[in-house]
Amino acid sequence: MKLLSAVLLAVAAAAAVAATFLPLSELFIRLAPDQPQTAYVTTGWSTYFGQTKDEHGPLFAVPVVAAAVATLLGIRWRKVAYAGAASLAGVTGMLFVYLLNAISFHREGNITIDPGLEAGFGSGVWVLVTAVVVAFAGVLVHPDD
């Protein structure tokens, strides 16, 4: 069980860090009626509008990486594994709610430039949610100290 727990916790930590490089949210907007839609993509480290990178990145990844490190340290101690999984769940939940609010704002037509605007979660959010589930699975099979 110790090996299975270690593998699950390591996979969860790696998946969480990898998720920070994937799109967390995606917005496709047309700035003028005759223009193609432009992608506005946010990752854990940066935001891109088309090919232009915003020089002031969101840094959503910093608490995710900190939670992943705690999860990884939990390979040795069950209580630390639980704390790491819980912090990863908290960070993921807060990020999910933040992005849900931003996506809902755009879906409700608050930007009237483009009635065909598309907004949604990126793959990074779903990888983070999966990492949380795997982390808690690692906690469940972790042998007691």
N, C-alpha and C. Protein backbone atom coordinates (compact mmCIF):
# COMPACT_ATOMS: atom_id res chain seq x y z
N MET A 1 0.81 -1.20 0.00
CA MET A 1 0.00 0.00 0.00
C MET A 1 0.86 1.26 0.00
N LYS A 2 2.00 1.19 0.63
CA LYS A 2 2.88 2.35 0.68
C LYS A 2 3.32 2.76 -0.73
N LEU A 3 3.65 1.78 -1.57
CA LEU A 3 4.07 2.08 -2.94
C LEU A 3 2.91 2.66 -3.75
N LEU A 4 1.73 2.09 -3.62
CA LEU A 4 0.56 2.59 -4.34
C LEU A 4 0.25 4.02 -3.92
N SER A 5 0.30 4.29 -2.64
CA SER A 5 0.07 5.64 -2.13
C SER A 5 1.10 6.61 -2.69
N ALA A 6 2.37 6.21 -2.67
CA ALA A 6 3.43 7.08 -3.19
C ALA A 6 3.22 7.38 -4.67
N VAL A 7 2.85 6.38 -5.43
CA VAL A 7 2.61 6.57 -6.86
C VAL A 7 1.43 7.52 -7.08
N LEU A 8 0.34 7.31 -6.36
CA LEU A 8 -0.84 8.16 -6.52
C LEU A 8 -0.54 9.61 -6.14
N LEU A 9 0.16 9.80 -5.03
CA LEU A 9 0.50 11.16 -4.61
C LEU A 9 1.45 11.84 -5.59
N ALA A 10 2.42 11.09 -6.10
CA ALA A 10 3.35 11.65 -7.08
C ALA A 10 2.63 12.00 -8.39
N VAL A 11 1.73 11.13 -8.83
CA VAL A 11 0.96 11.40 -10.05
C VAL A 11 0.08 12.63 -9.85
N ALA A 12 -0.56 12.73 -8.69
CA ALA A 12 -1.41 13.89 -8.41
C ALA A 12 -0.60 15.18 -8.43
N ALA A 13 0.56 15.18 -7.79
CA ALA A 13 1.40 16.37 -7.76
C ALA A 13 1.87 16.74 -9.17
N ALA A 14 2.30 15.75 -9.94
CA ALA A 14 2.77 16.01 -11.31
C ALA A 14 1.63 16.53 -12.18
N ALA A 15 0.44 15.94 -12.03
CA ALA A 15 -0.71 16.38 -12.82
C ALA A 15 -1.10 17.81 -12.47
N ALA A 16 -1.05 18.15 -11.19
CA ALA A 16 -1.40 19.51 -10.76
C ALA A 16 -0.43 20.53 -11.36
N VAL A 17 0.86 20.22 -11.31
CA VAL A 17 1.84 21.15 -11.89
C VAL A 17 1.68 21.23 -13.40
N ALA A 18 1.46 20.10 -14.05
CA ALA A 18 1.26 20.10 -15.51
C ALA A 18 0.03 20.91 -15.89
N ALA A 19 -1.01 20.85 -15.06
CA ALA A 19 -2.25 21.59 -15.35
C ALA A 19 -2.03 23.09 -15.41
N THR A 20 -1.03 23.58 -14.68
CA THR A 20 -0.79 25.03 -14.68
C THR A 20 -0.29 25.54 -16.03
N PHE A 21 0.20 24.64 -16.87
CA PHE A 21 0.67 25.03 -18.20
C PHE A 21 -0.41 24.86 -19.27
N LEU A 22 -1.52 24.24 -18.91
CA LEU A 22 -2.63 24.03 -19.83
C LEU A 22 -3.62 25.19 -19.70
N PRO A 23 -4.48 25.38 -20.69
CA PRO A 23 -5.49 26.44 -20.57
C PRO A 23 -6.43 26.17 -19.40
N LEU A 24 -6.60 27.18 -18.56
CA LEU A 24 -7.56 27.09 -17.47
C LEU A 24 -8.92 27.63 -17.92
N SER A 25 -8.89 28.67 -18.73
CA SER A 25 -10.12 29.20 -19.31
C SER A 25 -9.82 29.65 -20.73
N GLU A 26 -10.86 29.59 -21.55
CA GLU A 26 -10.73 29.98 -22.95
C GLU A 26 -11.93 30.84 -23.32
N LEU A 27 -11.63 31.94 -23.96
CA LEU A 27 -12.65 32.86 -24.42
C LEU A 27 -12.39 33.13 -25.89
N PHE A 28 -13.40 32.97 -26.71
CA PHE A 28 -13.26 33.23 -28.15
C PHE A 28 -14.18 34.39 -28.49
N ILE A 29 -13.57 35.50 -28.89
CA ILE A 29 -14.32 36.73 -29.11
C ILE A 29 -13.98 37.35 -30.46
N ARG A 30 -14.97 37.94 -31.07
CA ARG A 30 -14.82 38.66 -32.33
C ARG A 30 -14.88 40.15 -31.97
N LEU A 31 -13.82 40.89 -32.24
CA LEU A 31 -13.75 42.30 -31.86
C LEU A 31 -14.48 43.22 -32.85
N ALA A 32 -14.74 42.72 -34.02
CA ALA A 32 -15.52 43.46 -35.02
C ALA A 32 -16.31 42.44 -35.83
N PRO A 33 -17.50 42.81 -36.34
CA PRO A 33 -18.34 41.83 -37.05
C PRO A 33 -17.64 41.12 -38.21
N ASP A 34 -16.73 41.78 -38.87
CA ASP A 34 -16.08 41.19 -40.04
C ASP A 34 -14.75 40.50 -39.71
N GLN A 35 -14.42 40.39 -38.44
CA GLN A 35 -13.15 39.80 -38.01
C GLN A 35 -13.37 38.36 -37.52
N PRO A 36 -12.34 37.52 -37.63
CA PRO A 36 -12.46 36.17 -37.05
C PRO A 36 -12.38 36.26 -35.53
N GLN A 37 -12.85 35.20 -34.87
CA GLN A 37 -12.77 35.19 -33.42
C GLN A 37 -11.32 35.05 -32.98
N THR A 38 -10.98 35.73 -31.90
CA THR A 38 -9.64 35.67 -31.33
C THR A 38 -9.72 34.95 -30.00
N ALA A 39 -8.76 34.09 -29.74
CA ALA A 39 -8.73 33.33 -28.49
C ALA A 39 -8.08 34.16 -27.38
N TYR A 40 -8.72 34.19 -26.25
CA TYR A 40 -8.18 34.78 -25.03
C TYR A 40 -8.04 33.62 -24.06
N VAL A 41 -6.80 33.16 -23.85
CA VAL A 41 -6.54 31.95 -23.08
C VAL A 41 -5.72 32.28 -21.84
N THR A 42 -6.17 31.75 -20.71
CA THR A 42 -5.46 31.94 -19.45
C THR A 42 -4.91 30.60 -18.97
N THR A 43 -3.63 30.56 -18.67
CA THR A 43 -3.00 29.40 -18.04
C THR A 43 -2.66 29.81 -16.61
N GLY A 44 -2.02 28.93 -15.88
CA GLY A 44 -1.62 29.26 -14.52
C GLY A 44 -0.52 30.30 -14.45
N TRP A 45 0.19 30.49 -15.55
CA TRP A 45 1.35 31.38 -15.56
C TRP A 45 1.18 32.60 -16.45
N SER A 46 0.28 32.56 -17.41
CA SER A 46 0.19 33.67 -18.37
C SER A 46 -1.19 33.74 -19.00
N THR A 47 -1.40 34.86 -19.66
CA THR A 47 -2.62 35.08 -20.42
C THR A 47 -2.22 35.50 -21.82
N TYR A 48 -2.91 34.93 -22.80
CA TYR A 48 -2.64 35.25 -24.20
C TYR A 48 -3.91 35.77 -24.84
N PHE A 49 -3.77 36.83 -25.61
CA PHE A 49 -4.86 37.31 -26.45
C PHE A 49 -4.38 37.14 -27.88
N GLY A 50 -4.85 36.09 -28.52
CA GLY A 50 -4.30 35.73 -29.83
C GLY A 50 -2.87 35.26 -29.61
N GLN A 51 -1.95 35.88 -30.31
CA GLN A 51 -0.53 35.54 -30.16
C GLN A 51 0.18 36.46 -29.17
N THR A 52 -0.53 37.43 -28.63
CA THR A 52 0.08 38.42 -27.73
C THR A 52 0.00 37.94 -26.29
N LYS A 53 1.14 37.89 -25.63
CA LYS A 53 1.20 37.47 -24.23
C LYS A 53 1.08 38.70 -23.34
N ASP A 54 0.19 38.63 -22.37
CA ASP A 54 0.05 39.70 -21.39
C ASP A 54 1.28 39.66 -20.49
N GLU A 55 1.93 40.78 -20.35
CA GLU A 55 3.16 40.80 -19.54
C GLU A 55 2.88 40.71 -18.04
N HIS A 56 1.64 40.83 -17.64
CA HIS A 56 1.26 40.71 -16.22
C HIS A 56 0.46 39.43 -16.04
N GLY A 57 1.17 38.32 -15.92
CA GLY A 57 0.52 37.01 -15.81
C GLY A 57 -0.28 36.88 -14.53
N PRO A 58 -1.28 35.99 -14.51
CA PRO A 58 -2.15 35.85 -13.34
C PRO A 58 -1.49 35.13 -12.16
N LEU A 59 -0.49 34.31 -12.42
CA LEU A 59 0.22 33.55 -11.38
C LEU A 59 -0.71 32.66 -10.54
N PHE A 60 -1.77 32.15 -11.16
CA PHE A 60 -2.64 31.18 -10.49
C PHE A 60 -1.85 29.93 -10.11
N ALA A 61 -0.74 29.70 -10.80
CA ALA A 61 0.02 28.47 -10.61
C ALA A 61 0.77 28.43 -9.28
N VAL A 62 1.08 29.55 -8.70
CA VAL A 62 1.90 29.57 -7.49
C VAL A 62 1.25 28.77 -6.36
N PRO A 63 -0.02 29.02 -6.00
CA PRO A 63 -0.61 28.20 -4.92
C PRO A 63 -0.82 26.74 -5.34
N VAL A 64 -1.04 26.50 -6.64
CA VAL A 64 -1.19 25.13 -7.11
C VAL A 64 0.12 24.37 -6.93
N VAL A 65 1.23 24.98 -7.29
CA VAL A 65 2.54 24.34 -7.14
C VAL A 65 2.85 24.12 -5.65
N ALA A 66 2.53 25.09 -4.80
CA ALA A 66 2.76 24.93 -3.36
C ALA A 66 1.94 23.74 -2.81
N ALA A 67 0.69 23.61 -3.25
CA ALA A 67 -0.14 22.48 -2.81
C ALA A 67 0.41 21.17 -3.37
N ALA A 68 0.92 21.20 -4.59
CA ALA A 68 1.50 19.99 -5.19
C ALA A 68 2.75 19.55 -4.42
N VAL A 69 3.55 20.50 -4.00
CA VAL A 69 4.75 20.17 -3.21
C VAL A 69 4.34 19.54 -1.88
N ALA A 70 3.32 20.11 -1.24
CA ALA A 70 2.84 19.52 0.03
C ALA A 70 2.32 18.11 -0.20
N THR A 71 1.62 17.91 -1.31
CA THR A 71 1.10 16.58 -1.64
C THR A 71 2.26 15.61 -1.84
N LEU A 72 3.28 16.05 -2.53
CA LEU A 72 4.45 15.20 -2.78
C LEU A 72 5.17 14.87 -1.47
N LEU A 73 5.27 15.84 -0.57
CA LEU A 73 5.90 15.59 0.74
C LEU A 73 5.08 14.59 1.56
N GLY A 74 3.81 14.48 1.22
CA GLY A 74 2.94 13.55 1.93
C GLY A 74 3.25 12.09 1.67
N ILE A 75 4.12 11.82 0.72
CA ILE A 75 4.52 10.43 0.48
C ILE A 75 5.09 9.82 1.77
N ARG A 76 5.75 10.64 2.55
CA ARG A 76 6.38 10.16 3.77
C ARG A 76 5.41 10.11 4.95
N TRP A 77 4.56 11.13 5.08
CA TRP A 77 3.68 11.24 6.25
C TRP A 77 2.23 11.39 5.82
N ARG A 78 1.38 10.56 6.36
CA ARG A 78 -0.04 10.55 5.97
C ARG A 78 -0.72 11.89 6.27
N LYS A 79 -0.43 12.48 7.42
CA LYS A 79 -1.06 13.76 7.77
C LYS A 79 -0.66 14.86 6.78
N VAL A 80 0.57 14.83 6.33
CA VAL A 80 1.02 15.81 5.34
C VAL A 80 0.36 15.53 3.99
N ALA A 81 0.19 14.25 3.66
CA ALA A 81 -0.50 13.89 2.42
C ALA A 81 -1.93 14.43 2.45
N TYR A 82 -2.59 14.27 3.60
CA TYR A 82 -3.96 14.77 3.73
C TYR A 82 -3.98 16.30 3.61
N ALA A 83 -3.04 16.96 4.27
CA ALA A 83 -2.98 18.43 4.18
C ALA A 83 -2.70 18.88 2.75
N GLY A 84 -1.81 18.17 2.06
CA GLY A 84 -1.51 18.51 0.68
C GLY A 84 -2.70 18.32 -0.23
N ALA A 85 -3.41 17.19 -0.07
CA ALA A 85 -4.60 16.93 -0.88
C ALA A 85 -5.69 17.96 -0.58
N ALA A 86 -5.85 18.30 0.69
CA ALA A 86 -6.85 19.29 1.08
C ALA A 86 -6.51 20.67 0.52
N SER A 87 -5.23 21.05 0.57
CA SER A 87 -4.84 22.36 0.03
C SER A 87 -4.99 22.37 -1.49
N LEU A 88 -4.69 21.26 -2.13
CA LEU A 88 -4.88 21.17 -3.58
C LEU A 88 -6.37 21.29 -3.92
N ALA A 89 -7.22 20.66 -3.12
CA ALA A 89 -8.66 20.76 -3.33
C ALA A 89 -9.14 22.20 -3.11
N GLY A 90 -8.63 22.85 -2.08
CA GLY A 90 -9.02 24.23 -1.81
C GLY A 90 -8.61 25.19 -2.92
N VAL A 91 -7.38 25.06 -3.36
CA VAL A 91 -6.89 25.92 -4.44
C VAL A 91 -7.68 25.66 -5.72
N THR A 92 -7.91 24.40 -6.02
CA THR A 92 -8.67 24.06 -7.23
C THR A 92 -10.10 24.58 -7.13
N GLY A 93 -10.71 24.43 -5.99
CA GLY A 93 -12.07 24.93 -5.79
C GLY A 93 -12.16 26.43 -5.94
N MET A 94 -11.23 27.16 -5.35
CA MET A 94 -11.24 28.62 -5.45
C MET A 94 -11.00 29.06 -6.88
N LEU A 95 -10.09 28.40 -7.56
CA LEU A 95 -9.82 28.74 -8.96
C LEU A 95 -11.04 28.42 -9.82
N PHE A 96 -11.69 27.29 -9.56
CA PHE A 96 -12.89 26.89 -10.30
C PHE A 96 -13.98 27.95 -10.15
N VAL A 97 -14.23 28.41 -8.92
CA VAL A 97 -15.27 29.41 -8.68
C VAL A 97 -14.90 30.74 -9.35
N TYR A 98 -13.65 31.15 -9.25
CA TYR A 98 -13.21 32.39 -9.90
C TYR A 98 -13.44 32.31 -11.41
N LEU A 99 -13.01 31.21 -12.02
CA LEU A 99 -13.17 31.06 -13.47
C LEU A 99 -14.64 30.93 -13.85
N LEU A 100 -15.42 30.24 -13.02
CA LEU A 100 -16.85 30.11 -13.29
C LEU A 100 -17.52 31.48 -13.32
N ASN A 101 -17.15 32.35 -12.39
CA ASN A 101 -17.70 33.70 -12.37
C ASN A 101 -17.29 34.48 -13.62
N ALA A 102 -16.03 34.38 -14.00
CA ALA A 102 -15.56 35.09 -15.20
C ALA A 102 -16.25 34.56 -16.45
N ILE A 103 -16.40 33.25 -16.55
CA ILE A 103 -17.05 32.64 -17.71
C ILE A 103 -18.53 33.02 -17.74
N SER A 104 -19.20 32.97 -16.60
CA SER A 104 -20.61 33.33 -16.53
C SER A 104 -20.83 34.78 -16.91
N PHE A 105 -19.93 35.66 -16.50
CA PHE A 105 -20.02 37.08 -16.83
C PHE A 105 -20.04 37.26 -18.34
N HIS A 106 -19.17 36.54 -19.03
CA HIS A 106 -19.11 36.67 -20.49
C HIS A 106 -20.29 35.99 -21.17
N ARG A 107 -20.76 34.90 -20.64
CA ARG A 107 -21.88 34.18 -21.26
C ARG A 107 -23.18 34.95 -21.15
N GLU A 108 -23.32 35.80 -20.14
CA GLU A 108 -24.56 36.53 -19.95
C GLU A 108 -24.68 37.74 -20.85
N GLY A 109 -23.78 37.88 -21.80
CA GLY A 109 -23.88 38.98 -22.76
C GLY A 109 -23.38 40.31 -22.24
N ASN A 110 -22.54 40.30 -21.23
CA ASN A 110 -22.02 41.55 -20.71
C ASN A 110 -21.01 42.20 -21.65
N ILE A 111 -20.53 41.43 -22.61
CA ILE A 111 -19.69 42.00 -23.66
C ILE A 111 -20.53 41.94 -24.93
N THR A 112 -21.03 43.08 -25.36
CA THR A 112 -21.98 43.10 -26.48
C THR A 112 -21.29 43.21 -27.83
N ILE A 113 -19.96 43.20 -27.84
CA ILE A 113 -19.22 43.29 -29.10
C ILE A 113 -19.52 42.08 -29.97
N ASP A 114 -19.57 40.92 -29.37
CA ASP A 114 -19.69 39.67 -30.13
C ASP A 114 -20.80 38.79 -29.56
N PRO A 115 -21.97 38.75 -30.23
CA PRO A 115 -23.03 37.88 -29.73
C PRO A 115 -22.69 36.39 -29.86
N GLY A 116 -21.69 36.04 -30.67
CA GLY A 116 -21.27 34.66 -30.83
C GLY A 116 -20.13 34.27 -29.93
N LEU A 117 -19.85 35.08 -28.91
CA LEU A 117 -18.75 34.84 -27.98
C LEU A 117 -18.88 33.46 -27.34
N GLU A 118 -17.77 32.77 -27.21
CA GLU A 118 -17.73 31.47 -26.55
C GLU A 118 -16.77 31.57 -25.36
N ALA A 119 -17.20 31.08 -24.22
CA ALA A 119 -16.34 31.09 -23.03
C ALA A 119 -16.51 29.76 -22.30
N GLY A 120 -15.42 29.22 -21.80
CA GLY A 120 -15.52 27.96 -21.08
C GLY A 120 -14.23 27.60 -20.38
N PHE A 121 -14.30 26.50 -19.63
CA PHE A 121 -13.13 26.00 -18.93
C PHE A 121 -12.18 25.35 -19.93
N GLY A 122 -10.89 25.48 -19.65
CA GLY A 122 -9.89 24.80 -20.45
C GLY A 122 -9.55 23.45 -19.83
N SER A 123 -8.74 22.70 -20.50
CA SER A 123 -8.38 21.36 -20.03
C SER A 123 -7.62 21.38 -18.70
N GLY A 124 -6.93 22.46 -18.39
CA GLY A 124 -6.18 22.55 -17.15
C GLY A 124 -7.05 22.40 -15.91
N VAL A 125 -8.26 22.94 -15.96
CA VAL A 125 -9.16 22.83 -14.81
C VAL A 125 -9.52 21.37 -14.56
N TRP A 126 -9.78 20.64 -15.64
CA TRP A 126 -10.19 19.24 -15.48
C TRP A 126 -9.02 18.37 -15.04
N VAL A 127 -7.83 18.72 -15.46
CA VAL A 127 -6.64 17.99 -14.98
C VAL A 127 -6.44 18.27 -13.48
N LEU A 128 -6.68 19.51 -13.06
CA LEU A 128 -6.58 19.84 -11.63
C LEU A 128 -7.61 19.07 -10.81
N VAL A 129 -8.84 19.00 -11.28
CA VAL A 129 -9.88 18.26 -10.56
C VAL A 129 -9.48 16.79 -10.46
N THR A 130 -8.96 16.25 -11.53
CA THR A 130 -8.50 14.85 -11.52
C THR A 130 -7.35 14.68 -10.53
N ALA A 131 -6.44 15.64 -10.47
CA ALA A 131 -5.32 15.58 -9.53
C ALA A 131 -5.82 15.54 -8.09
N VAL A 132 -6.87 16.29 -7.80
CA VAL A 132 -7.44 16.29 -6.44
C VAL A 132 -7.98 14.90 -6.10
N VAL A 133 -8.71 14.31 -7.02
CA VAL A 133 -9.28 12.97 -6.78
C VAL A 133 -8.17 11.95 -6.57
N VAL A 134 -7.14 12.01 -7.41
CA VAL A 134 -6.02 11.06 -7.28
C VAL A 134 -5.27 11.30 -5.97
N ALA A 135 -5.11 12.57 -5.57
CA ALA A 135 -4.42 12.86 -4.31
C ALA A 135 -5.18 12.26 -3.12
N PHE A 136 -6.50 12.41 -3.11
CA PHE A 136 -7.27 11.84 -2.01
C PHE A 136 -7.26 10.31 -2.05
N ALA A 137 -7.20 9.74 -3.24
CA ALA A 137 -7.04 8.28 -3.34
C ALA A 137 -5.71 7.86 -2.71
N GLY A 138 -4.67 8.65 -2.95
CA GLY A 138 -3.37 8.38 -2.35
C GLY A 138 -3.42 8.47 -0.81
N VAL A 139 -4.20 9.42 -0.31
CA VAL A 139 -4.36 9.56 1.15
C VAL A 139 -5.10 8.34 1.71
N LEU A 140 -6.14 7.89 1.00
CA LEU A 140 -6.93 6.76 1.48
C LEU A 140 -6.14 5.47 1.61
N VAL A 141 -5.22 5.24 0.69
CA VAL A 141 -4.45 3.99 0.74
C VAL A 141 -3.11 4.16 1.47
N HIS A 142 -2.84 5.38 1.94
CA HIS A 142 -1.58 5.64 2.66
C HIS A 142 -1.60 4.89 3.98
N PRO A 143 -0.54 4.16 4.28
CA PRO A 143 -0.51 3.45 5.58
C PRO A 143 -0.41 4.46 6.71
N ASP A 144 -1.05 4.13 7.82
CA ASP A 144 -1.00 5.03 8.97
C ASP A 144 0.43 5.12 9.48
N ASP A 145 0.76 6.31 10.00
CA ASP A 145 2.11 6.54 10.55
C ASP A 145 2.33 5.75 11.82
